[in-house]
Amino acid sequence: MRALTILGIIQAFVAIGAIPAGYSMIVEPDGSGLGMTTDILAESSFTDFFIPGLFLLIVNGLFNMINAILCFIKFKPAVLIGLLLGVSLIIWVFVQVYSIGLTHFLQPAYFIIGIIEIILSISIMRNLKSGTKQTES
């Protein structure tokens, strides 16, 4: 399987989880759509889930889905975008854990996914610079 396609699959996976969750947080900012309450936000700078939901929907959801498509069509700038999206996913997890604590196994799972996105993107960039065809192998 091609490295760029793998990056696209990872990003599509992130997007498929983020889009419905982010949408739910926006339309029901009290968290009830996801079985949460704003009580978990007591120690955070957020009063409800609207802003986190907006970020989740747009950055982790829509941007990852768009970039997944760009990876699938082998649009080379998608590699740099993939690197940035991996960094943003890690930042998302850090902010989440800082705000509400380590509450679910998905937090470290998505942290690891972010690291994989970064490593894969850097690997593809290095191979593109060296002129190898790693993105096609």
Protein backbone atom coordinates (compact mmCIF):
# COMPACT_ATOMS: atom_id res chain seq x y z
CA MET A 1 0.00 0.00 0.00
CA ARG A 2 1.30 3.46 -0.78
CA ALA A 3 2.50 5.67 2.09
CA LEU A 4 0.37 8.61 0.97
CA THR A 5 -2.67 6.35 0.80
CA ILE A 6 -1.96 5.11 4.32
CA LEU A 7 -1.79 8.71 5.52
CA GLY A 8 -5.13 9.34 3.79
CA ILE A 9 -6.71 6.31 5.45
CA ILE A 10 -5.52 7.47 8.88
CA GLN A 11 -6.91 10.94 8.27
CA ALA A 12 -10.23 9.59 7.03
CA PHE A 13 -10.44 7.48 10.21
CA VAL A 14 -9.85 10.58 12.38
CA ALA A 15 -12.43 12.53 10.38
CA ILE A 16 -15.08 9.82 10.61
CA GLY A 17 -14.85 9.96 14.39
CA ALA A 18 -14.53 13.74 14.69
CA ILE A 19 -17.28 14.93 12.36
CA PRO A 20 -20.31 13.42 14.14
CA ALA A 21 -18.87 14.12 17.61
CA GLY A 22 -18.06 17.73 16.73
CA TYR A 23 -21.47 18.24 15.15
CA SER A 24 -23.16 16.85 18.25
CA MET A 25 -21.18 19.20 20.50
CA ILE A 26 -22.23 22.18 18.38
CA VAL A 27 -25.95 21.39 18.20
CA GLU A 28 -26.08 20.23 21.84
CA PRO A 29 -23.34 22.21 23.58
CA ASP A 30 -24.44 20.83 26.95
CA GLY A 31 -22.89 17.50 25.85
CA SER A 32 -26.13 15.54 26.16
CA GLY A 33 -25.84 14.25 22.59
CA LEU A 34 -22.71 12.38 23.57
CA GLY A 35 -23.84 11.39 27.03
CA MET A 36 -21.67 14.02 28.72
CA THR A 37 -22.41 16.95 30.97
CA THR A 38 -20.72 20.31 31.30
CA ASP A 39 -19.70 19.25 34.82
CA ILE A 40 -16.50 17.80 33.36
CA LEU A 41 -15.61 21.28 32.13
CA ALA A 42 -15.65 22.79 35.63
CA GLU A 43 -11.83 23.02 35.79
CA SER A 44 -11.46 24.16 32.18
CA SER A 45 -11.79 27.52 30.46
CA PHE A 46 -14.90 26.31 28.61
CA THR A 47 -18.46 26.68 29.89
CA ASP A 48 -19.91 24.32 27.30
CA PHE A 49 -18.83 22.10 24.39
CA PHE A 50 -19.55 24.55 21.54
CA ILE A 51 -15.97 25.81 20.96
CA PRO A 52 -14.35 22.37 21.40
CA GLY A 53 -17.04 20.96 19.09
CA LEU A 54 -16.33 23.60 16.46
CA PHE A 55 -12.61 22.76 16.51
CA LEU A 56 -13.35 19.04 16.49
CA LEU A 57 -15.73 19.34 13.53
CA ILE A 58 -13.63 21.70 11.42
CA VAL A 59 -10.00 20.82 12.13
CA ASN A 60 -10.05 17.19 13.22
CA GLY A 61 -13.09 16.41 11.07
CA LEU A 62 -13.46 18.36 7.84
CA PHE A 63 -9.78 19.29 7.35
CA ASN A 64 -8.72 15.67 7.87
CA MET A 65 -11.38 14.43 5.43
CA ILE A 66 -10.39 16.97 2.79
CA ASN A 67 -6.71 16.14 3.22
CA ALA A 68 -7.46 12.41 3.08
CA ILE A 69 -8.98 12.98 -0.35
CA LEU A 70 -5.93 15.03 -1.36
CA CYS A 71 -3.71 12.13 -0.23
CA PHE A 72 -5.76 9.67 -2.26
CA ILE A 73 -5.32 11.76 -5.42
CA LYS A 74 -1.56 12.07 -4.65
CA PHE A 75 -1.57 15.85 -4.21
CA LYS A 76 1.96 16.34 -2.87
CA PRO A 77 1.21 19.35 -0.58
CA ALA A 78 -1.12 16.99 1.31
CA VAL A 79 1.98 15.60 3.03
CA LEU A 80 2.79 18.93 4.72
CA ILE A 81 -0.88 19.41 5.57
CA GLY A 82 -0.87 15.90 7.05
CA LEU A 83 2.06 16.86 9.25
CA LEU A 84 0.19 19.93 10.50
CA LEU A 85 -2.97 17.91 11.11
CA GLY A 86 -0.97 15.39 13.13
CA VAL A 87 0.41 18.22 15.25
CA SER A 88 -3.08 19.69 15.69
CA LEU A 89 -4.41 16.29 16.79
CA ILE A 90 -1.71 16.04 19.45
CA ILE A 91 -2.47 19.58 20.63
CA TRP A 92 -6.19 18.67 20.75
CA VAL A 93 -5.44 15.71 23.02
CA PHE A 94 -3.14 17.79 25.25
CA VAL A 95 -5.75 20.52 25.68
CA GLN A 96 -8.45 17.93 26.31
CA VAL A 97 -6.44 16.08 28.95
CA TYR A 98 -5.38 19.38 30.54
CA SER A 99 -9.01 20.60 30.60
CA ILE A 100 -10.87 17.48 31.72
CA GLY A 101 -8.20 14.98 32.65
CA LEU A 102 -7.39 11.57 31.23
CA THR A 103 -10.89 10.12 31.10
CA HIS A 104 -11.02 7.74 28.16
CA PHE A 105 -8.80 5.27 26.30
CA LEU A 106 -9.39 7.23 23.07
CA GLN A 107 -7.28 10.14 24.34
CA PRO A 108 -3.97 8.21 24.29
CA ALA A 109 -5.13 6.34 21.17
CA TYR A 110 -5.61 9.59 19.23
CA PHE A 111 -2.36 10.94 20.65
CA ILE A 112 -0.58 7.92 19.14
CA ILE A 113 -2.46 8.40 15.86
CA GLY A 114 -1.22 12.00 15.78
CA ILE A 115 2.35 10.80 16.28
CA ILE A 116 1.91 8.27 13.48
CA GLU A 117 0.62 11.01 11.16
CA ILE A 118 3.67 13.14 11.95
CA ILE A 119 6.18 10.32 11.50
CA LEU A 120 4.56 9.15 8.28
CA SER A 121 4.42 12.69 6.88
CA ILE A 122 8.08 13.34 7.71
CA SER A 123 9.06 10.01 6.16
CA ILE A 124 7.17 10.80 2.96
CA MET A 125 8.72 14.30 2.81
CA ARG A 126 12.21 12.88 3.22
CA ASN A 127 11.60 10.34 0.49
CA LEU A 128 10.23 13.01 -1.83
CA LYS A 129 13.32 15.16 -1.22
CA SER A 130 15.68 12.27 -1.87
CA GLY A 131 13.84 11.47 -5.07
CA THR A 132 12.75 7.97 -4.08
CA LYS A 133 9.33 6.64 -4.91
CA GLN A 134 8.38 5.63 -1.34
CA THR A 135 4.95 7.23 -1.78
CA GLU A 136 4.27 4.69 -4.49
CA SER A 137 5.56 1.58 -2.75
